[in-house]
Amino acid sequence: MAERTQALVEANQRLVGLSLTDGLTGLANRRHFDEVLAQEGDRSRRDRRPMSLLMLDVDWFKYYNDQFGHPAGDVVLCQVARVLLESVRRPGDLAARYGGEEFAVILPGLDVRAAQAMAERIRARVEALGIVHAHGLSGRVTISIGVAEMDLDDAHGAGTLVGQADAALYRAKAGGRNRVETARPDAGPGEPAAS
């Protein structure tokens, strides 16, 4: 009986893990991201500690898929995910696949300057992978990143933070791609970022 109970507990733990993980990249999925963002946002407001968010997107990803096919595109997404996992190592940080070729990173305890420095390191590491991409600015796969810090006095906190980071991502795309942009304090939700 004890063995069956233990096997059932382990099976349930595996199911919970699967329900929170993106099947392709192994990162947290959107559902898990939303839950952690709300929790960390509440904690940051309560403790009066900064929290930043990175929203990042693979530049010209549709063209990459069109040129090399979706299996090759999946490999690119996995390589970007690996860079995120290797770069985001502090307890409490969370890297997630937000959707399609878009990723997000929750950075509790980091202000916008520290988050911007981390974003720049991630951007450079993805470019340094050297994945050939004819439409890429440097002939390689690159990413654009939007960075925002949560306003601890904003009642909408985490929801506003996503909009600000997304608006900064859109500006990075519009400003030439393969770059990091930081949200302006008064920035609200922006247009969806173009791939």
C-alpha atoms as a PDB file:
ATOM      1  CA  MET A   1       0.000   0.000   0.000  1.00  0.00           C
ATOM      2  CA  ALA A   2       2.811   2.436   0.895  1.00  0.00           C
ATOM      3  CA  GLU A   3       4.508   1.782  -2.474  1.00  0.00           C
ATOM      4  CA  ARG A   4       1.280   2.527  -4.368  1.00  0.00           C
ATOM      5  CA  THR A   5       0.737   5.712  -2.391  1.00  0.00           C
ATOM      6  CA  GLN A   6       4.306   6.846  -3.071  1.00  0.00           C
ATOM      7  CA  ALA A   7       3.927   6.044  -6.789  1.00  0.00           C
ATOM      8  CA  LEU A   8       0.696   8.055  -6.892  1.00  0.00           C
ATOM      9  CA  VAL A   9       2.351  11.014  -5.145  1.00  0.00           C
ATOM     10  CA  GLU A  10       5.247  10.943  -7.637  1.00  0.00           C
ATOM     11  CA  ALA A  11       2.865  10.698 -10.598  1.00  0.00           C
ATOM     12  CA  ASN A  12       0.897  13.688  -9.317  1.00  0.00           C
ATOM     13  CA  GLN A  13       4.109  15.697  -8.875  1.00  0.00           C
ATOM     14  CA  ARG A  14       5.093  14.914 -12.480  1.00  0.00           C
ATOM     15  CA  LEU A  15       1.661  16.047 -13.689  1.00  0.00           C
ATOM     16  CA  VAL A  16       1.908  19.307 -11.782  1.00  0.00           C
ATOM     17  CA  GLY A  17       5.366  19.882 -13.269  1.00  0.00           C
ATOM     18  CA  LEU A  18       4.062  19.220 -16.769  1.00  0.00           C
ATOM     19  CA  SER A  19       1.133  21.587 -16.287  1.00  0.00           C
ATOM     20  CA  LEU A  20       3.541  24.436 -15.433  1.00  0.00           C
ATOM     21  CA  THR A  21       6.192  23.804 -18.095  1.00  0.00           C
ATOM     22  CA  ASP A  22       6.352  24.644 -21.782  1.00  0.00           C
ATOM     23  CA  GLY A  23       6.694  21.328 -23.598  1.00  0.00           C
ATOM     24  CA  LEU A  24       9.145  22.584 -26.228  1.00  0.00           C
ATOM     25  CA  THR A  25      11.571  24.765 -24.303  1.00  0.00           C
ATOM     26  CA  GLY A  26      11.352  23.405 -20.766  1.00  0.00           C
ATOM     27  CA  LEU A  27      10.780  26.939 -19.449  1.00  0.00           C
ATOM     28  CA  ALA A  28       7.787  27.905 -17.360  1.00  0.00           C
ATOM     29  CA  ASN A  29       4.627  28.168 -19.443  1.00  0.00           C
ATOM     30  CA  ARG A  30       2.343  31.194 -19.680  1.00  0.00           C
ATOM     31  CA  ARG A  31       0.027  29.894 -16.950  1.00  0.00           C
ATOM     32  CA  HIS A  32       2.907  29.519 -14.499  1.00  0.00           C
ATOM     33  CA  PHE A  33       4.303  32.904 -15.526  1.00  0.00           C
ATOM     34  CA  ASP A  34       0.972  34.613 -14.775  1.00  0.00           C
ATOM     35  CA  GLU A  35       0.768  32.962 -11.336  1.00  0.00           C
ATOM     36  CA  VAL A  36       4.346  33.833 -10.349  1.00  0.00           C
ATOM     37  CA  LEU A  37       4.052  37.400 -11.676  1.00  0.00           C
ATOM     38  CA  ALA A  38       0.977  38.017  -9.507  1.00  0.00           C
ATOM     39  CA  GLN A  39       2.635  36.473  -6.427  1.00  0.00           C
ATOM     40  CA  GLU A  40       5.930  38.313  -6.880  1.00  0.00           C
ATOM     41  CA  GLY A  41       4.109  41.558  -7.649  1.00  0.00           C
ATOM     42  CA  ASP A  42       2.174  41.286  -4.392  1.00  0.00           C
ATOM     43  CA  ARG A  43       5.354  40.460  -2.484  1.00  0.00           C
ATOM     44  CA  SER A  44       7.260  43.374  -4.033  1.00  0.00           C
ATOM     45  CA  ARG A  45       4.526  45.860  -3.124  1.00  0.00           C
ATOM     46  CA  ARG A  46       4.224  44.468   0.404  1.00  0.00           C
ATOM     47  CA  ASP A  47       7.999  44.449   1.028  1.00  0.00           C
ATOM     48  CA  ARG A  48       8.616  47.669  -0.962  1.00  0.00           C
ATOM     49  CA  ARG A  49      11.267  45.910  -3.036  1.00  0.00           C
ATOM     50  CA  PRO A  50      11.773  46.506  -6.764  1.00  0.00           C
ATOM     51  CA  MET A  51      10.709  43.985  -9.377  1.00  0.00           C
ATOM     52  CA  SER A  52      11.512  44.156 -13.049  1.00  0.00           C
ATOM     53  CA  LEU A  53      10.276  42.310 -16.097  1.00  0.00           C
ATOM     54  CA  LEU A  54      11.932  41.502 -19.405  1.00  0.00           C
ATOM     55  CA  MET A  55       9.801  40.802 -22.473  1.00  0.00           C
ATOM     56  CA  LEU A  56      11.826  39.461 -25.383  1.00  0.00           C
ATOM     57  CA  ASP A  57      11.096  38.358 -28.882  1.00  0.00           C
ATOM     58  CA  VAL A  58      13.132  36.606 -31.592  1.00  0.00           C
ATOM     59  CA  ASP A  59      13.662  39.079 -34.431  1.00  0.00           C
ATOM     60  CA  TRP A  60      12.227  38.216 -37.849  1.00  0.00           C
ATOM     61  CA  PHE A  61      11.250  34.749 -36.600  1.00  0.00           C
ATOM     62  CA  LYS A  62       8.535  34.216 -39.224  1.00  0.00           C
ATOM     63  CA  TYR A  63      11.121  34.674 -41.959  1.00  0.00           C
ATOM     64  CA  TYR A  64      13.406  32.189 -40.238  1.00  0.00           C
ATOM     65  CA  ASN A  65      10.617  29.598 -40.139  1.00  0.00           C
ATOM     66  CA  ASP A  66       9.769  30.308 -43.786  1.00  0.00           C
ATOM     67  CA  GLN A  67      13.397  29.841 -44.836  1.00  0.00           C
ATOM     68  CA  PHE A  68      14.425  26.881 -42.688  1.00  0.00           C
ATOM     69  CA  GLY A  69      11.135  25.290 -41.591  1.00  0.00           C
ATOM     70  CA  HIS A  70       9.366  24.961 -38.265  1.00  0.00           C
ATOM     71  CA  PRO A  71      11.623  22.198 -36.869  1.00  0.00           C
ATOM     72  CA  ALA A  72      14.624  24.512 -37.301  1.00  0.00           C
ATOM     73  CA  GLY A  73      12.610  27.319 -35.709  1.00  0.00           C
ATOM     74  CA  ASP A  74      11.913  25.064 -32.743  1.00  0.00           C
ATOM     75  CA  VAL A  75      15.663  24.511 -32.351  1.00  0.00           C
ATOM     76  CA  VAL A  76      16.177  28.290 -32.266  1.00  0.00           C
ATOM     77  CA  LEU A  77      13.505  28.666 -29.568  1.00  0.00           C
ATOM     78  CA  CYS A  78      15.207  25.962 -27.506  1.00  0.00           C
ATOM     79  CA  GLN A  79      18.586  27.675 -27.877  1.00  0.00           C
ATOM     80  CA  VAL A  80      17.151  31.009 -26.754  1.00  0.00           C
ATOM     81  CA  ALA A  81      15.527  29.200 -23.812  1.00  0.00           C
ATOM     82  CA  ARG A  82      18.889  27.676 -22.896  1.00  0.00           C
ATOM     83  CA  VAL A  83      20.494  31.142 -22.861  1.00  0.00           C
ATOM     84  CA  LEU A  84      17.707  32.328 -20.557  1.00  0.00           C
ATOM     85  CA  LEU A  85      18.124  29.371 -18.208  1.00  0.00           C
ATOM     86  CA  GLU A  86      21.885  29.944 -18.051  1.00  0.00           C
ATOM     87  CA  SER A  87      21.466  33.711 -17.516  1.00  0.00           C
ATOM     88  CA  VAL A  88      18.626  33.795 -15.004  1.00  0.00           C
ATOM     89  CA  ARG A  89      19.952  31.934 -12.000  1.00  0.00           C
ATOM     90  CA  ARG A  90      18.947  33.823  -8.856  1.00  0.00           C
ATOM     91  CA  PRO A  91      16.353  32.216  -6.579  1.00  0.00           C
ATOM     92  CA  GLY A  92      12.964  33.708  -7.376  1.00  0.00           C
ATOM     93  CA  ASP A  93      13.801  34.648 -10.979  1.00  0.00           C
ATOM     94  CA  LEU A  94      11.562  33.010 -13.561  1.00  0.00           C
ATOM     95  CA  ALA A  95      12.114  32.612 -17.301  1.00  0.00           C
ATOM     96  CA  ALA A  96       8.989  31.677 -19.256  1.00  0.00           C
ATOM     97  CA  ARG A  97       7.804  31.152 -22.769  1.00  0.00           C
ATOM     98  CA  TYR A  98       5.161  33.826 -23.106  1.00  0.00           C
ATOM     99  CA  GLY A  99       3.841  32.647 -26.467  1.00  0.00           C
ATOM    100  CA  GLY A 100       5.170  31.820 -29.931  1.00  0.00           C
ATOM    101  CA  GLU A 101       8.643  33.318 -30.181  1.00  0.00           C
ATOM    102  CA  GLU A 102       8.131  35.628 -27.211  1.00  0.00           C
ATOM    103  CA  PHE A 103       9.656  35.044 -23.780  1.00  0.00           C
ATOM    104  CA  ALA A 104       9.426  36.806 -20.423  1.00  0.00           C
ATOM    105  CA  VAL A 105      11.694  36.968 -17.394  1.00  0.00           C
ATOM    106  CA  ILE A 106      10.502  37.978 -13.913  1.00  0.00           C
ATOM    107  CA  LEU A 107      13.268  39.556 -11.816  1.00  0.00           C
ATOM    108  CA  PRO A 108      12.188  40.122  -8.192  1.00  0.00           C
ATOM    109  CA  GLY A 109      14.494  42.430  -6.268  1.00  0.00           C
ATOM    110  CA  LEU A 110      16.084  43.998  -9.359  1.00  0.00           C
ATOM    111  CA  ASP A 111      15.601  47.608 -10.304  1.00  0.00           C
ATOM    112  CA  VAL A 112      15.391  48.703 -13.921  1.00  0.00           C
ATOM    113  CA  ARG A 113      19.123  49.465 -14.238  1.00  0.00           C
ATOM    114  CA  ALA A 114      20.189  46.011 -13.083  1.00  0.00           C
ATOM    115  CA  ALA A 115      17.482  44.422 -15.234  1.00  0.00           C
ATOM    116  CA  GLN A 116      18.637  46.412 -18.263  1.00  0.00           C
ATOM    117  CA  ALA A 117      22.215  45.193 -17.747  1.00  0.00           C
ATOM    118  CA  MET A 118      20.974  41.604 -17.540  1.00  0.00           C
ATOM    119  CA  ALA A 119      18.867  42.096 -20.674  1.00  0.00           C
ATOM    120  CA  GLU A 120      21.885  43.378 -22.584  1.00  0.00           C
ATOM    121  CA  ARG A 121      23.931  40.331 -21.528  1.00  0.00           C
ATOM    122  CA  ILE A 122      21.120  38.018 -22.705  1.00  0.00           C
ATOM    123  CA  ARG A 123      20.814  39.883 -26.017  1.00  0.00           C
ATOM    124  CA  ALA A 124      24.556  39.631 -26.644  1.00  0.00           C
ATOM    125  CA  ARG A 125      24.652  35.926 -25.725  1.00  0.00           C
ATOM    126  CA  VAL A 126      21.863  35.088 -28.192  1.00  0.00           C
ATOM    127  CA  GLU A 127      23.614  36.995 -30.973  1.00  0.00           C
ATOM    128  CA  ALA A 128      26.892  35.246 -30.077  1.00  0.00           C
ATOM    129  CA  LEU A 129      25.253  31.871 -30.726  1.00  0.00           C
ATOM    130  CA  GLY A 130      25.926  32.697 -34.375  1.00  0.00           C
ATOM    131  CA  ILE A 131      22.765  31.056 -35.736  1.00  0.00           C
ATOM    132  CA  VAL A 132      22.647  32.034 -39.418  1.00  0.00           C
ATOM    133  CA  HIS A 133      19.588  34.090 -40.393  1.00  0.00           C
ATOM    134  CA  ALA A 134      19.484  35.870 -43.752  1.00  0.00           C
ATOM    135  CA  HIS A 135      16.958  38.441 -42.476  1.00  0.00           C
ATOM    136  CA  GLY A 136      18.843  39.100 -39.238  1.00  0.00           C
ATOM    137  CA  LEU A 137      20.607  42.451 -38.915  1.00  0.00           C
ATOM    138  CA  SER A 138      23.988  40.842 -38.445  1.00  0.00           C
ATOM    139  CA  GLY A 139      23.156  37.793 -40.558  1.00  0.00           C
ATOM    140  CA  ARG A 140      22.366  35.963 -37.335  1.00  0.00           C
ATOM    141  CA  VAL A 141      19.384  35.261 -35.118  1.00  0.00           C
ATOM    142  CA  THR A 142      18.928  38.156 -32.700  1.00  0.00           C
ATOM    143  CA  ILE A 143      16.406  39.193 -30.070  1.00  0.00           C
ATOM    144  CA  SER A 144      14.841  42.451 -28.980  1.00  0.00           C
ATOM    145  CA  ILE A 145      14.063  43.081 -25.315  1.00  0.00           C
ATOM    146  CA  GLY A 146      11.781  45.448 -23.432  1.00  0.00           C
ATOM    147  CA  VAL A 147      12.542  46.157 -19.758  1.00  0.00           C
ATOM    148  CA  ALA A 148      10.250  47.658 -17.131  1.00  0.00           C
ATOM    149  CA  GLU A 149      10.264  48.080 -13.358  1.00  0.00           C
ATOM    150  CA  MET A 150       7.029  47.774 -11.411  1.00  0.00           C
ATOM    151  CA  ASP A 151       5.589  50.912  -9.830  1.00  0.00           C
ATOM    152  CA  LEU A 152       5.102  49.810  -6.225  1.00  0.00           C
ATOM    153  CA  ASP A 153       2.285  52.318  -5.759  1.00  0.00           C
ATOM    154  CA  ASP A 154       0.286  51.154  -8.787  1.00  0.00           C
ATOM    155  CA  ALA A 155      -2.756  49.145  -7.701  1.00  0.00           C
ATOM    156  CA  HIS A 156      -2.627  47.203 -10.983  1.00  0.00           C
ATOM    157  CA  GLY A 157       1.087  46.516 -10.476  1.00  0.00           C
ATOM    158  CA  ALA A 158       1.889  43.362 -12.392  1.00  0.00           C
ATOM    159  CA  GLY A 159      -0.656  43.991 -15.154  1.00  0.00           C
ATOM    160  CA  THR A 160       0.723  47.448 -15.802  1.00  0.00           C
ATOM    161  CA  LEU A 161       4.259  46.042 -15.706  1.00  0.00           C
ATOM    162  CA  VAL A 162       3.526  43.633 -18.565  1.00  0.00           C
ATOM    163  CA  GLY A 163       2.087  46.477 -20.648  1.00  0.00           C
ATOM    164  CA  GLN A 164       5.115  48.674 -20.017  1.00  0.00           C
ATOM    165  CA  ALA A 165       7.627  45.938 -20.820  1.00  0.00           C
ATOM    166  CA  ASP A 166       5.672  45.070 -23.974  1.00  0.00           C
ATOM    167  CA  ALA A 167       5.635  48.741 -25.029  1.00  0.00           C
ATOM    168  CA  ALA A 168       9.409  48.872 -24.530  1.00  0.00           C
ATOM    169  CA  LEU A 169       9.763  45.690 -26.594  1.00  0.00           C
ATOM    170  CA  TYR A 170       7.722  47.297 -29.363  1.00  0.00           C
ATOM    171  CA  ARG A 171      10.030  50.335 -29.297  1.00  0.00           C
ATOM    172  CA  ALA A 172      13.067  48.027 -29.522  1.00  0.00           C
ATOM    173  CA  LYS A 173      11.536  46.408 -32.600  1.00  0.00           C
ATOM    174  CA  ALA A 174      10.580  49.750 -34.145  1.00  0.00           C
ATOM    175  CA  GLY A 175      14.012  51.184 -33.331  1.00  0.00           C
ATOM    176  CA  GLY A 176      15.883  48.622 -35.397  1.00  0.00           C
ATOM    177  CA  ARG A 177      15.726  45.305 -33.498  1.00  0.00           C
ATOM    178  CA  ASN A 178      18.609  43.485 -31.764  1.00  0.00           C
ATOM    179  CA  ARG A 179      18.433  46.006 -28.943  1.00  0.00           C
ATOM    180  CA  VAL A 180      17.218  46.605 -25.410  1.00  0.00           C
ATOM    181  CA  GLU A 181      14.727  49.374 -24.606  1.00  0.00           C
ATOM    182  CA  THR A 182      13.612  50.454 -21.148  1.00  0.00           C
ATOM    183  CA  ALA A 183      10.045  51.511 -20.408  1.00  0.00           C
ATOM    184  CA  ARG A 184       9.378  55.117 -19.628  1.00  0.00           C
ATOM    185  CA  PRO A 185       7.737  55.533 -16.204  1.00  0.00           C
ATOM    186  CA  ASP A 186       4.550  56.885 -17.833  1.00  0.00           C
ATOM    187  CA  ALA A 187       4.403  54.179 -20.515  1.00  0.00           C
ATOM    188  CA  GLY A 188       1.231  52.171 -20.739  1.00  0.00           C
ATOM    189  CA  PRO A 189       0.318  49.127 -22.782  1.00  0.00           C
ATOM    190  CA  GLY A 190       1.803  49.375 -26.252  1.00  0.00           C
ATOM    191  CA  GLU A 191       1.006  47.917 -29.578  1.00  0.00           C
ATOM    192  CA  PRO A 192       1.824  44.238 -29.984  1.00  0.00           C
ATOM    193  CA  ALA A 193       5.456  43.694 -30.865  1.00  0.00           C
ATOM    194  CA  ALA A 194       5.987  42.805 -34.523  1.00  0.00           C
ATOM    195  CA  SER A 195       8.135  39.745 -35.145  1.00  0.00           C
END
